[in-house]
Amino acid sequence: MKLYKIRTHFYGKDLDKEANLGYMVAENDNGVYDHINKKFQYGEWPEFVEMTREEIISAKGDYDSECMGEFYDQKFGWEDLGEVSSEDVAHLKSLKILAE
């Protein structure tokens, strides 16, 4: 398993902010894509950007893609923090860094 950091960037008329959305554990980038797509994009991510699923996974999100929204936009990305053991995962959960 690998530990990933999920981040987002908000763009708007008077807004340009970045935020860390937390951490997750997955087998690979496909798992992170699926998590973001389900939790934050409600299953419609590729419809909001001019990127395919494969392009988004290859780029580790649409974070660096061109803004498409006229008034606001939100991009997502992730960073692979490396391999973690089951003991690491248990410890991160006990610290509330990872959700149960």
PDB file of N, CA and C in Angstrom:
ATOM      1  N   MET A   1       0.843  -1.189   0.000  1.00  0.00           N
ATOM      2  CA  MET A   1       0.000   0.000   0.000  1.00  0.00           C
ATOM      3  C   MET A   1       0.882   1.243   0.000  1.00  0.00           C
ATOM      4  N   LYS A   2       0.313   2.297  -0.573  1.00  0.00           N
ATOM      5  CA  LYS A   2       1.025   3.577  -0.620  1.00  0.00           C
ATOM      6  C   LYS A   2       0.199   4.647   0.079  1.00  0.00           C
ATOM      7  N   LEU A   3       0.903   5.604   0.659  1.00  0.00           N
ATOM      8  CA  LEU A   3       0.276   6.749   1.301  1.00  0.00           C
ATOM      9  C   LEU A   3       0.267   7.902   0.305  1.00  0.00           C
ATOM     10  N   TYR A   4      -0.889   8.561   0.189  1.00  0.00           N
ATOM     11  CA  TYR A   4      -1.033   9.690  -0.738  1.00  0.00           C
ATOM     12  C   TYR A   4      -1.558  10.908   0.003  1.00  0.00           C
ATOM     13  N   LYS A   5      -1.080  12.078  -0.412  1.00  0.00           N
ATOM     14  CA  LYS A   5      -1.617  13.351   0.080  1.00  0.00           C
ATOM     15  C   LYS A   5      -2.506  13.911  -1.021  1.00  0.00           C
ATOM     16  N   ILE A   6      -3.726  14.280  -0.671  1.00  0.00           N
ATOM     17  CA  ILE A   6      -4.669  14.844  -1.640  1.00  0.00           C
ATOM     18  C   ILE A   6      -4.742  16.346  -1.427  1.00  0.00           C
ATOM     19  N   ARG A   7      -4.672  17.077  -2.516  1.00  0.00           N
ATOM     20  CA  ARG A   7      -4.707  18.541  -2.425  1.00  0.00           C
ATOM     21  C   ARG A   7      -5.700  19.093  -3.444  1.00  0.00           C
ATOM     22  N   THR A   8      -6.089  20.331  -3.231  1.00  0.00           N
ATOM     23  CA  THR A   8      -6.995  21.002  -4.151  1.00  0.00           C
ATOM     24  C   THR A   8      -6.569  22.448  -4.320  1.00  0.00           C
ATOM     25  N   HIS A   9      -7.011  23.037  -5.415  1.00  0.00           N
ATOM     26  CA  HIS A   9      -6.748  24.446  -5.706  1.00  0.00           C
ATOM     27  C   HIS A   9      -8.063  25.046  -6.176  1.00  0.00           C
ATOM     28  N   PHE A  10      -8.487  26.113  -5.500  1.00  0.00           N
ATOM     29  CA  PHE A  10      -9.708  26.828  -5.853  1.00  0.00           C
ATOM     30  C   PHE A  10      -9.342  28.066  -6.648  1.00  0.00           C
ATOM     31  N   TYR A  11     -10.055  28.278  -7.724  1.00  0.00           N
ATOM     32  CA  TYR A  11      -9.885  29.479  -8.544  1.00  0.00           C
ATOM     33  C   TYR A  11     -11.239  30.163  -8.642  1.00  0.00           C
ATOM     34  N   GLY A  12     -11.217  31.471  -8.629  1.00  0.00           N
ATOM     35  CA  GLY A  12     -12.465  32.208  -8.795  1.00  0.00           C
ATOM     36  C   GLY A  12     -12.180  33.645  -9.130  1.00  0.00           C
ATOM     37  N   LYS A  13     -13.254  34.400  -9.269  1.00  0.00           N
ATOM     38  CA  LYS A  13     -13.128  35.812  -9.608  1.00  0.00           C
ATOM     39  C   LYS A  13     -12.196  36.523  -8.632  1.00  0.00           C
ATOM     40  N   ASP A  14     -12.391  36.285  -7.354  1.00  0.00           N
ATOM     41  CA  ASP A  14     -11.550  36.901  -6.323  1.00  0.00           C
ATOM     42  C   ASP A  14     -10.946  35.842  -5.405  1.00  0.00           C
ATOM     43  N   LEU A  15     -10.633  34.665  -5.969  1.00  0.00           N
ATOM     44  CA  LEU A  15     -10.186  33.556  -5.151  1.00  0.00           C
ATOM     45  C   LEU A  15      -9.074  32.788  -5.847  1.00  0.00           C
ATOM     46  N   ASP A  16      -8.029  32.502  -5.106  1.00  0.00           N
ATOM     47  CA  ASP A  16      -6.927  31.672  -5.601  1.00  0.00           C
ATOM     48  C   ASP A  16      -6.275  31.039  -4.377  1.00  0.00           C
ATOM     49  N   LYS A  17      -6.841  29.909  -3.923  1.00  0.00           N
ATOM     50  CA  LYS A  17      -6.391  29.283  -2.678  1.00  0.00           C
ATOM     51  C   LYS A  17      -6.121  27.803  -2.882  1.00  0.00           C
ATOM     52  N   GLU A  18      -5.105  27.317  -2.174  1.00  0.00           N
ATOM     53  CA  GLU A  18      -4.774  25.901  -2.172  1.00  0.00           C
ATOM     54  C   GLU A  18      -5.107  25.325  -0.804  1.00  0.00           C
ATOM     55  N   ALA A  19      -5.436  24.034  -0.779  1.00  0.00           N
ATOM     56  CA  ALA A  19      -5.752  23.371   0.488  1.00  0.00           C
ATOM     57  C   ALA A  19      -5.348  21.907   0.422  1.00  0.00           C
ATOM     58  N   ASN A  20      -4.962  21.367   1.569  1.00  0.00           N
ATOM     59  CA  ASN A  20      -4.679  19.948   1.713  1.00  0.00           C
ATOM     60  C   ASN A  20      -5.980  19.295   2.161  1.00  0.00           C
ATOM     61  N   LEU A  21      -6.450  18.296   1.415  1.00  0.00           N
ATOM     62  CA  LEU A  21      -7.705  17.615   1.750  1.00  0.00           C
ATOM     63  C   LEU A  21      -7.500  16.389   2.616  1.00  0.00           C
ATOM     64  N   GLY A  22      -6.260  16.058   2.906  1.00  0.00           N
ATOM     65  CA  GLY A  22      -5.994  14.927   3.772  1.00  0.00           C
ATOM     66  C   GLY A  22      -5.144  13.865   3.103  1.00  0.00           C
ATOM     67  N   TYR A  23      -5.136  12.707   3.715  1.00  0.00           N
ATOM     68  CA  TYR A  23      -4.290  11.605   3.281  1.00  0.00           C
ATOM     69  C   TYR A  23      -5.138  10.362   3.078  1.00  0.00           C
ATOM     70  N   MET A  24      -4.664   9.479   2.235  1.00  0.00           N
ATOM     71  CA  MET A  24      -5.343   8.210   2.030  1.00  0.00           C
ATOM     72  C   MET A  24      -4.332   7.145   1.662  1.00  0.00           C
ATOM     73  N   VAL A  25      -4.743   5.903   1.804  1.00  0.00           N
ATOM     74  CA  VAL A  25      -3.920   4.761   1.436  1.00  0.00           C
ATOM     75  C   VAL A  25      -4.601   4.050   0.280  1.00  0.00           C
ATOM     76  N   ALA A  26      -3.823   3.710  -0.736  1.00  0.00           N
ATOM     77  CA  ALA A  26      -4.342   2.988  -1.902  1.00  0.00           C
ATOM     78  C   ALA A  26      -3.233   2.131  -2.489  1.00  0.00           C
ATOM     79  N   GLU A  27      -3.631   1.171  -3.299  1.00  0.00           N
ATOM     80  CA  GLU A  27      -2.666   0.303  -3.982  1.00  0.00           C
ATOM     81  C   GLU A  27      -1.867   1.074  -5.027  1.00  0.00           C
ATOM     82  N   ASN A  28      -2.550   2.032  -5.716  1.00  0.00           N
ATOM     83  CA  ASN A  28      -1.911   2.762  -6.813  1.00  0.00           C
ATOM     84  C   ASN A  28      -2.699   4.031  -7.124  1.00  0.00           C
ATOM     85  N   ASP A  29      -2.255   4.755  -8.145  1.00  0.00           N
ATOM     86  CA  ASP A  29      -2.898   6.011  -8.528  1.00  0.00           C
ATOM     87  C   ASP A  29      -4.347   5.821  -8.965  1.00  0.00           C
ATOM     88  N   ASN A  30      -4.684   4.665  -9.519  1.00  0.00           N
ATOM     89  CA  ASN A  30      -6.071   4.405  -9.907  1.00  0.00           C
ATOM     90  C   ASN A  30      -7.000   4.503  -8.698  1.00  0.00           C
ATOM     91  N   GLY A  31      -6.544   4.001  -7.558  1.00  0.00           N
ATOM     92  CA  GLY A  31      -7.341   4.067  -6.340  1.00  0.00           C
ATOM     93  C   GLY A  31      -7.560   5.490  -5.871  1.00  0.00           C
ATOM     94  N   VAL A  32      -6.549   6.330  -6.013  1.00  0.00           N
ATOM     95  CA  VAL A  32      -6.679   7.736  -5.613  1.00  0.00           C
ATOM     96  C   VAL A  32      -7.654   8.440  -6.544  1.00  0.00           C
ATOM     97  N   TYR A  33      -7.506   8.205  -7.847  1.00  0.00           N
ATOM     98  CA  TYR A  33      -8.429   8.786  -8.827  1.00  0.00           C
ATOM     99  C   TYR A  33      -9.872   8.410  -8.461  1.00  0.00           C
ATOM    100  N   ASP A  34     -10.108   7.123  -8.215  1.00  0.00           N
ATOM    101  CA  ASP A  34     -11.461   6.662  -7.897  1.00  0.00           C
ATOM    102  C   ASP A  34     -11.991   7.324  -6.627  1.00  0.00           C
ATOM    103  N   HIS A  35     -11.135   7.474  -5.620  1.00  0.00           N
ATOM    104  CA  HIS A  35     -11.532   8.112  -4.364  1.00  0.00           C
ATOM    105  C   HIS A  35     -11.936   9.568  -4.591  1.00  0.00           C
ATOM    106  N   ILE A  36     -11.103  10.323  -5.291  1.00  0.00           N
ATOM    107  CA  ILE A  36     -11.408  11.731  -5.563  1.00  0.00           C
ATOM    108  C   ILE A  36     -12.656  11.832  -6.428  1.00  0.00           C
ATOM    109  N   ASN A  37     -12.749  10.987  -7.428  1.00  0.00           N
ATOM    110  CA  ASN A  37     -13.898  11.019  -8.328  1.00  0.00           C
ATOM    111  C   ASN A  37     -15.200  10.759  -7.568  1.00  0.00           C
ATOM    112  N   LYS A  38     -15.171   9.840  -6.623  1.00  0.00           N
ATOM    113  CA  LYS A  38     -16.373   9.503  -5.855  1.00  0.00           C
ATOM    114  C   LYS A  38     -16.679  10.540  -4.782  1.00  0.00           C
ATOM    115  N   LYS A  39     -15.656  10.921  -4.015  1.00  0.00           N
ATOM    116  CA  LYS A  39     -15.879  11.787  -2.850  1.00  0.00           C
ATOM    117  C   LYS A  39     -16.043  13.270  -3.202  1.00  0.00           C
ATOM    118  N   PHE A  40     -15.282  13.753  -4.171  1.00  0.00           N
ATOM    119  CA  PHE A  40     -15.287  15.188  -4.453  1.00  0.00           C
ATOM    120  C   PHE A  40     -15.914  15.553  -5.800  1.00  0.00           C
ATOM    121  N   GLN A  41     -15.899  14.645  -6.751  1.00  0.00           N
ATOM    122  CA  GLN A  41     -16.427  14.945  -8.083  1.00  0.00           C
ATOM    123  C   GLN A  41     -17.757  14.246  -8.347  1.00  0.00           C
ATOM    124  N   TYR A  42     -18.218  13.453  -7.418  1.00  0.00           N
ATOM    125  CA  TYR A  42     -19.505  12.771  -7.512  1.00  0.00           C
ATOM    126  C   TYR A  42     -19.633  11.951  -8.797  1.00  0.00           C
ATOM    127  N   GLY A  43     -18.505  11.342  -9.207  1.00  0.00           N
ATOM    128  CA  GLY A  43     -18.497  10.447 -10.355  1.00  0.00           C
ATOM    129  C   GLY A  43     -18.495  11.113 -11.706  1.00  0.00           C
ATOM    130  N   GLU A  44     -18.200  12.415 -11.768  1.00  0.00           N
ATOM    131  CA  GLU A  44     -18.282  13.137 -13.041  1.00  0.00           C
ATOM    132  C   GLU A  44     -17.002  13.876 -13.408  1.00  0.00           C
ATOM    133  N   TRP A  45     -15.869  13.493 -12.848  1.00  0.00           N
ATOM    134  CA  TRP A  45     -14.631  14.235 -13.065  1.00  0.00           C
ATOM    135  C   TRP A  45     -14.303  14.467 -14.531  1.00  0.00           C
ATOM    136  N   PRO A  46     -14.231  13.447 -15.374  1.00  0.00           N
ATOM    137  CA  PRO A  46     -13.827  13.686 -16.766  1.00  0.00           C
ATOM    138  C   PRO A  46     -14.753  14.635 -17.533  1.00  0.00           C
ATOM    139  N   GLU A  47     -15.992  14.800 -17.067  1.00  0.00           N
ATOM    140  CA  GLU A  47     -16.899  15.719 -17.741  1.00  0.00           C
ATOM    141  C   GLU A  47     -16.550  17.178 -17.461  1.00  0.00           C
ATOM    142  N   PHE A  48     -15.800  17.435 -16.395  1.00  0.00           N
ATOM    143  CA  PHE A  48     -15.483  18.813 -16.022  1.00  0.00           C
ATOM    144  C   PHE A  48     -14.144  19.294 -16.579  1.00  0.00           C
ATOM    145  N   VAL A  49     -13.333  18.408 -17.071  1.00  0.00           N
ATOM    146  CA  VAL A  49     -12.026  18.786 -17.604  1.00  0.00           C
ATOM    147  C   VAL A  49     -11.835  18.171 -18.977  1.00  0.00           C
ATOM    148  N   GLU A  50     -10.958  18.759 -19.739  1.00  0.00           N
ATOM    149  CA  GLU A  50     -10.663  18.229 -21.064  1.00  0.00           C
ATOM    150  C   GLU A  50      -9.508  17.239 -20.990  1.00  0.00           C
ATOM    151  N   MET A  51      -9.637  16.283 -20.083  1.00  0.00           N
ATOM    152  CA  MET A  51      -8.628  15.243 -19.897  1.00  0.00           C
ATOM    153  C   MET A  51      -9.353  13.914 -19.752  1.00  0.00           C
ATOM    154  N   THR A  52      -8.763  12.863 -20.240  1.00  0.00           N
ATOM    155  CA  THR A  52      -9.316  11.537 -20.040  1.00  0.00           C
ATOM    156  C   THR A  52      -8.907  11.022 -18.667  1.00  0.00           C
ATOM    157  N   ARG A  53      -9.530   9.936 -18.252  1.00  0.00           N
ATOM    158  CA  ARG A  53      -9.153   9.303 -16.992  1.00  0.00           C
ATOM    159  C   ARG A  53      -7.661   8.985 -16.992  1.00  0.00           C
ATOM    160  N   GLU A  54      -7.162   8.425 -18.090  1.00  0.00           N
ATOM    161  CA  GLU A  54      -5.752   8.041 -18.180  1.00  0.00           C
ATOM    162  C   GLU A  54      -4.832   9.255 -18.072  1.00  0.00           C
ATOM    163  N   GLU A  55      -5.230  10.374 -18.689  1.00  0.00           N
ATOM    164  CA  GLU A  55      -4.419  11.598 -18.611  1.00  0.00           C
ATOM    165  C   GLU A  55      -4.407  12.161 -17.190  1.00  0.00           C
ATOM    166  N   ILE A  56      -5.547  12.115 -16.527  1.00  0.00           N
ATOM    167  CA  ILE A  56      -5.628  12.609 -15.148  1.00  0.00           C
ATOM    168  C   ILE A  56      -4.746  11.755 -14.245  1.00  0.00           C
ATOM    169  N   ILE A  57      -4.825  10.430 -14.393  1.00  0.00           N
ATOM    170  CA  ILE A  57      -4.015   9.535 -13.560  1.00  0.00           C
ATOM    171  C   ILE A  57      -2.534   9.748 -13.841  1.00  0.00           C
ATOM    172  N   SER A  58      -2.163   9.883 -15.093  1.00  0.00           N
ATOM    173  CA  SER A  58      -0.763  10.100 -15.455  1.00  0.00           C
ATOM    174  C   SER A  58      -0.219  11.398 -14.864  1.00  0.00           C
ATOM    175  N   ALA A  59      -1.056  12.439 -14.829  1.00  0.00           N
ATOM    176  CA  ALA A  59      -0.648  13.746 -14.300  1.00  0.00           C
ATOM    177  C   ALA A  59      -0.857  13.851 -12.790  1.00  0.00           C
ATOM    178  N   LYS A  60      -1.329  12.767 -12.167  1.00  0.00           N
ATOM    179  CA  LYS A  60      -1.651  12.753 -10.736  1.00  0.00           C
ATOM    180  C   LYS A  60      -2.673  13.836 -10.389  1.00  0.00           C
ATOM    181  N   GLY A  61      -3.693  13.925 -11.226  1.00  0.00           N
ATOM    182  CA  GLY A  61      -4.789  14.865 -11.011  1.00  0.00           C
ATOM    183  C   GLY A  61      -4.877  15.878 -12.136  1.00  0.00           C
ATOM    184  N   ASP A  62      -5.861  16.754 -12.018  1.00  0.00           N
ATOM    185  CA  ASP A  62      -6.017  17.822 -13.007  1.00  0.00           C
ATOM    186  C   ASP A  62      -5.508  19.144 -12.445  1.00  0.00           C
ATOM    187  N   TYR A  63      -4.732  19.064 -11.375  1.00  0.00           N
ATOM    188  CA  TYR A  63      -4.241  20.224 -10.624  1.00  0.00           C
ATOM    189  C   TYR A  63      -3.566  21.264 -11.517  1.00  0.00           C
ATOM    190  N   ASP A  64      -2.792  20.812 -12.489  1.00  0.00           N
ATOM    191  CA  ASP A  64      -2.033  21.739 -13.338  1.00  0.00           C
ATOM    192  C   ASP A  64      -2.697  21.982 -14.689  1.00  0.00           C
ATOM    193  N   SER A  65      -3.929  21.511 -14.855  1.00  0.00           N
ATOM    194  CA  SER A  65      -4.621  21.727 -16.123  1.00  0.00           C
ATOM    195  C   SER A  65      -5.160  23.155 -16.195  1.00  0.00           C
ATOM    196  N   GLU A  66      -5.525  23.564 -17.376  1.00  0.00           N
ATOM    197  CA  GLU A  66      -6.032  24.913 -17.600  1.00  0.00           C
ATOM    198  C   GLU A  66      -7.396  25.083 -16.937  1.00  0.00           C
ATOM    199  N   CYS A  67      -7.624  26.262 -16.348  1.00  0.00           N
ATOM    200  CA  CYS A  67      -8.924  26.558 -15.745  1.00  0.00           C
ATOM    201  C   CYS A  67      -9.972  26.650 -16.846  1.00  0.00           C
ATOM    202  N   MET A  68     -11.091  25.986 -16.648  1.00  0.00           N
ATOM    203  CA  MET A  68     -12.145  26.004 -17.647  1.00  0.00           C
ATOM    204  C   MET A  68     -13.337  26.818 -17.186  1.00  0.00           C
ATOM    205  N   GLY A  69     -13.482  27.027 -15.888  1.00  0.00           N
ATOM    206  CA  GLY A  69     -14.634  27.747 -15.364  1.00  0.00           C
ATOM    207  C   GLY A  69     -14.535  29.240 -15.633  1.00  0.00           C
ATOM    208  N   GLU A  70     -15.669  29.821 -15.926  1.00  0.00           N
ATOM    209  CA  GLU A  70     -15.699  31.251 -16.179  1.00  0.00           C
ATOM    210  C   GLU A  70     -15.678  32.040 -14.878  1.00  0.00           C
ATOM    211  N   PHE A  71     -16.329  31.503 -13.844  1.00  0.00           N
ATOM    212  CA  PHE A  71     -16.414  32.225 -12.583  1.00  0.00           C
ATOM    213  C   PHE A  71     -15.666  31.534 -11.449  1.00  0.00           C
ATOM    214  N   TYR A  72     -15.619  30.214 -11.461  1.00  0.00           N
ATOM    215  CA  TYR A  72     -14.843  29.505 -10.451  1.00  0.00           C
ATOM    216  C   TYR A  72     -14.441  28.145 -11.003  1.00  0.00           C
ATOM    217  N   ASP A  73     -13.443  27.581 -10.384  1.00  0.00           N
ATOM    218  CA  ASP A  73     -12.974  26.269 -10.781  1.00  0.00           C
ATOM    219  C   ASP A  73     -12.287  25.640  -9.574  1.00  0.00           C
ATOM    220  N   GLN A  74     -12.245  24.327  -9.543  1.00  0.00           N
ATOM    221  CA  GLN A  74     -11.556  23.608  -8.478  1.00  0.00           C
ATOM    222  C   GLN A  74     -10.810  22.442  -9.104  1.00  0.00           C
ATOM    223  N   LYS A  75      -9.527  22.374  -8.817  1.00  0.00           N
ATOM    224  CA  LYS A  75      -8.676  21.312  -9.343  1.00  0.00           C
ATOM    225  C   LYS A  75      -8.218  20.419  -8.198  1.00  0.00           C
ATOM    226  N   PHE A  76      -7.947  19.162  -8.526  1.00  0.00           N
ATOM    227  CA  PHE A  76      -7.496  18.190  -7.537  1.00  0.00           C
ATOM    228  C   PHE A  76      -6.201  17.551  -7.996  1.00  0.00           C
ATOM    229  N   GLY A  77      -5.391  17.165  -7.039  1.00  0.00           N
ATOM    230  CA  GLY A  77      -4.155  16.465  -7.346  1.00  0.00           C
ATOM    231  C   GLY A  77      -3.737  15.622  -6.153  1.00  0.00           C
ATOM    232  N   TRP A  78      -2.723  14.800  -6.383  1.00  0.00           N
ATOM    233  CA  TRP A  78      -2.227  13.978  -5.289  1.00  0.00           C
ATOM    234  C   TRP A  78      -0.738  13.765  -5.415  1.00  0.00           C
ATOM    235  N   GLU A  79      -0.161  13.450  -4.275  1.00  0.00           N
ATOM    236  CA  GLU A  79       1.274  13.195  -4.195  1.00  0.00           C
ATOM    237  C   GLU A  79       1.489  11.831  -3.556  1.00  0.00           C
ATOM    238  N   ASP A  80       2.291  10.998  -4.187  1.00  0.00           N
ATOM    239  CA  ASP A  80       2.640   9.678  -3.664  1.00  0.00           C
ATOM    240  C   ASP A  80       3.724   9.872  -2.609  1.00  0.00           C
ATOM    241  N   LEU A  81       3.424   9.527  -1.366  1.00  0.00           N
ATOM    242  CA  LEU A  81       4.369   9.696  -0.267  1.00  0.00           C
ATOM    243  C   LEU A  81       5.145   8.413   0.036  1.00  0.00           C
ATOM    244  N   GLY A  82       4.871   7.362  -0.725  1.00  0.00           N
ATOM    245  CA  GLY A  82       5.639   6.136  -0.588  1.00  0.00           C
ATOM    246  C   GLY A  82       4.884   5.000   0.068  1.00  0.00           C
ATOM    247  N   GLU A  83       5.579   3.890   0.161  1.00  0.00           N
ATOM    248  CA  GLU A  83       5.017   2.662   0.724  1.00  0.00           C
ATOM    249  C   GLU A  83       4.809   2.806   2.227  1.00  0.00           C
ATOM    250  N   VAL A  84       3.713   2.196   2.712  1.00  0.00           N
ATOM    251  CA  VAL A  84       3.446   2.155   4.143  1.00  0.00           C
ATOM    252  C   VAL A  84       3.056   0.732   4.535  1.00  0.00           C
ATOM    253  N   SER A  85       3.414   0.363   5.733  1.00  0.00           N
ATOM    254  CA  SER A  85       3.066  -0.961   6.249  1.00  0.00           C
ATOM    255  C   SER A  85       1.709  -0.891   6.939  1.00  0.00           C
ATOM    256  N   SER A  86       1.171  -2.050   7.277  1.00  0.00           N
ATOM    257  CA  SER A  86      -0.105  -2.082   7.999  1.00  0.00           C
ATOM    258  C   SER A  86       0.052  -1.441   9.380  1.00  0.00           C
ATOM    259  N   GLU A  87       1.248  -1.568   9.962  1.00  0.00           N
ATOM    260  CA  GLU A  87       1.512  -0.919  11.251  1.00  0.00           C
ATOM    261  C   GLU A  87       1.505   0.601  11.089  1.00  0.00           C
ATOM    262  N   ASP A  88       2.096   1.093   9.989  1.00  0.00           N
ATOM    263  CA  ASP A  88       2.077   2.537   9.714  1.00  0.00           C
ATOM    264  C   ASP A  88       0.644   3.030   9.571  1.00  0.00           C
ATOM    265  N   VAL A  89      -0.160   2.282   8.830  1.00  0.00           N
ATOM    266  CA  VAL A  89      -1.555   2.665   8.605  1.00  0.00           C
ATOM    267  C   VAL A  89      -2.305   2.708   9.930  1.00  0.00           C
ATOM    268  N   ALA A  90      -2.115   1.709  10.768  1.00  0.00           N
ATOM    269  CA  ALA A  90      -2.776   1.677  12.076  1.00  0.00           C
ATOM    270  C   ALA A  90      -2.365   2.881  12.922  1.00  0.00           C
ATOM    271  N   HIS A  91      -1.076   3.214  12.891  1.00  0.00           N
ATOM    272  CA  HIS A  91      -0.585   4.364  13.659  1.00  0.00           C
ATOM    273  C   HIS A  91      -1.184   5.671  13.115  1.00  0.00           C
ATOM    274  N   LEU A  92      -1.224   5.836  11.807  1.00  0.00           N
ATOM    275  CA  LEU A  92      -1.806   7.050  11.209  1.00  0.00           C
ATOM    276  C   LEU A  92      -3.294   7.161  11.528  1.00  0.00           C
ATOM    277  N   LYS A  93      -3.990   6.030  11.577  1.00  0.00           N
ATOM    278  CA  LYS A  93      -5.403   6.047  11.964  1.00  0.00           C
ATOM    279  C   LYS A  93      -5.563   6.430  13.424  1.00  0.00           C
ATOM    280  N   SER A  94      -4.677   5.933  14.285  1.00  0.00           N
ATOM    281  CA  SER A  94      -4.764   6.274  15.701  1.00  0.00           C
ATOM    282  C   SER A  94      -4.516   7.766  15.944  1.00  0.00           C
ATOM    283  N   LEU A  95      -3.739   8.379  15.068  1.00  0.00           N
ATOM    284  CA  LEU A  95      -3.463   9.815  15.158  1.00  0.00           C
ATOM    285  C   LEU A  95      -4.518  10.649  14.426  1.00  0.00           C
ATOM    286  N   LYS A  96      -5.506   9.960  13.831  1.00  0.00           N
ATOM    287  CA  LYS A  96      -6.597  10.596  13.077  1.00  0.00           C
ATOM    288  C   LYS A  96      -6.093  11.307  11.822  1.00  0.00           C
ATOM    289  N   ILE A  97      -4.940  10.884  11.292  1.00  0.00           N
ATOM    290  CA  ILE A  97      -4.428  11.408  10.038  1.00  0.00           C
ATOM    291  C   ILE A  97      -5.121  10.707   8.875  1.00  0.00           C
ATOM    292  N   LEU A  98      -5.427   9.422   9.069  1.00  0.00           N
ATOM    293  CA  LEU A  98      -6.209   8.640   8.106  1.00  0.00           C
ATOM    294  C   LEU A  98      -7.566   8.345   8.704  1.00  0.00           C
ATOM    295  N   ALA A  99      -8.596   8.378   7.859  1.00  0.00           N
ATOM    296  CA  ALA A  99      -9.935   8.030   8.312  1.00  0.00           C
ATOM    297  C   ALA A  99     -10.032   6.521   8.525  1.00  0.00           C
ATOM    298  N   GLU A 100     -10.909   6.135   9.390  1.00  0.00           N
ATOM    299  CA  GLU A 100     -11.148   4.702   9.640  1.00  0.00           C
ATOM    300  C   GLU A 100     -11.743   4.039   8.435  1.00  0.00           C
TER     301      GLU A 100
END
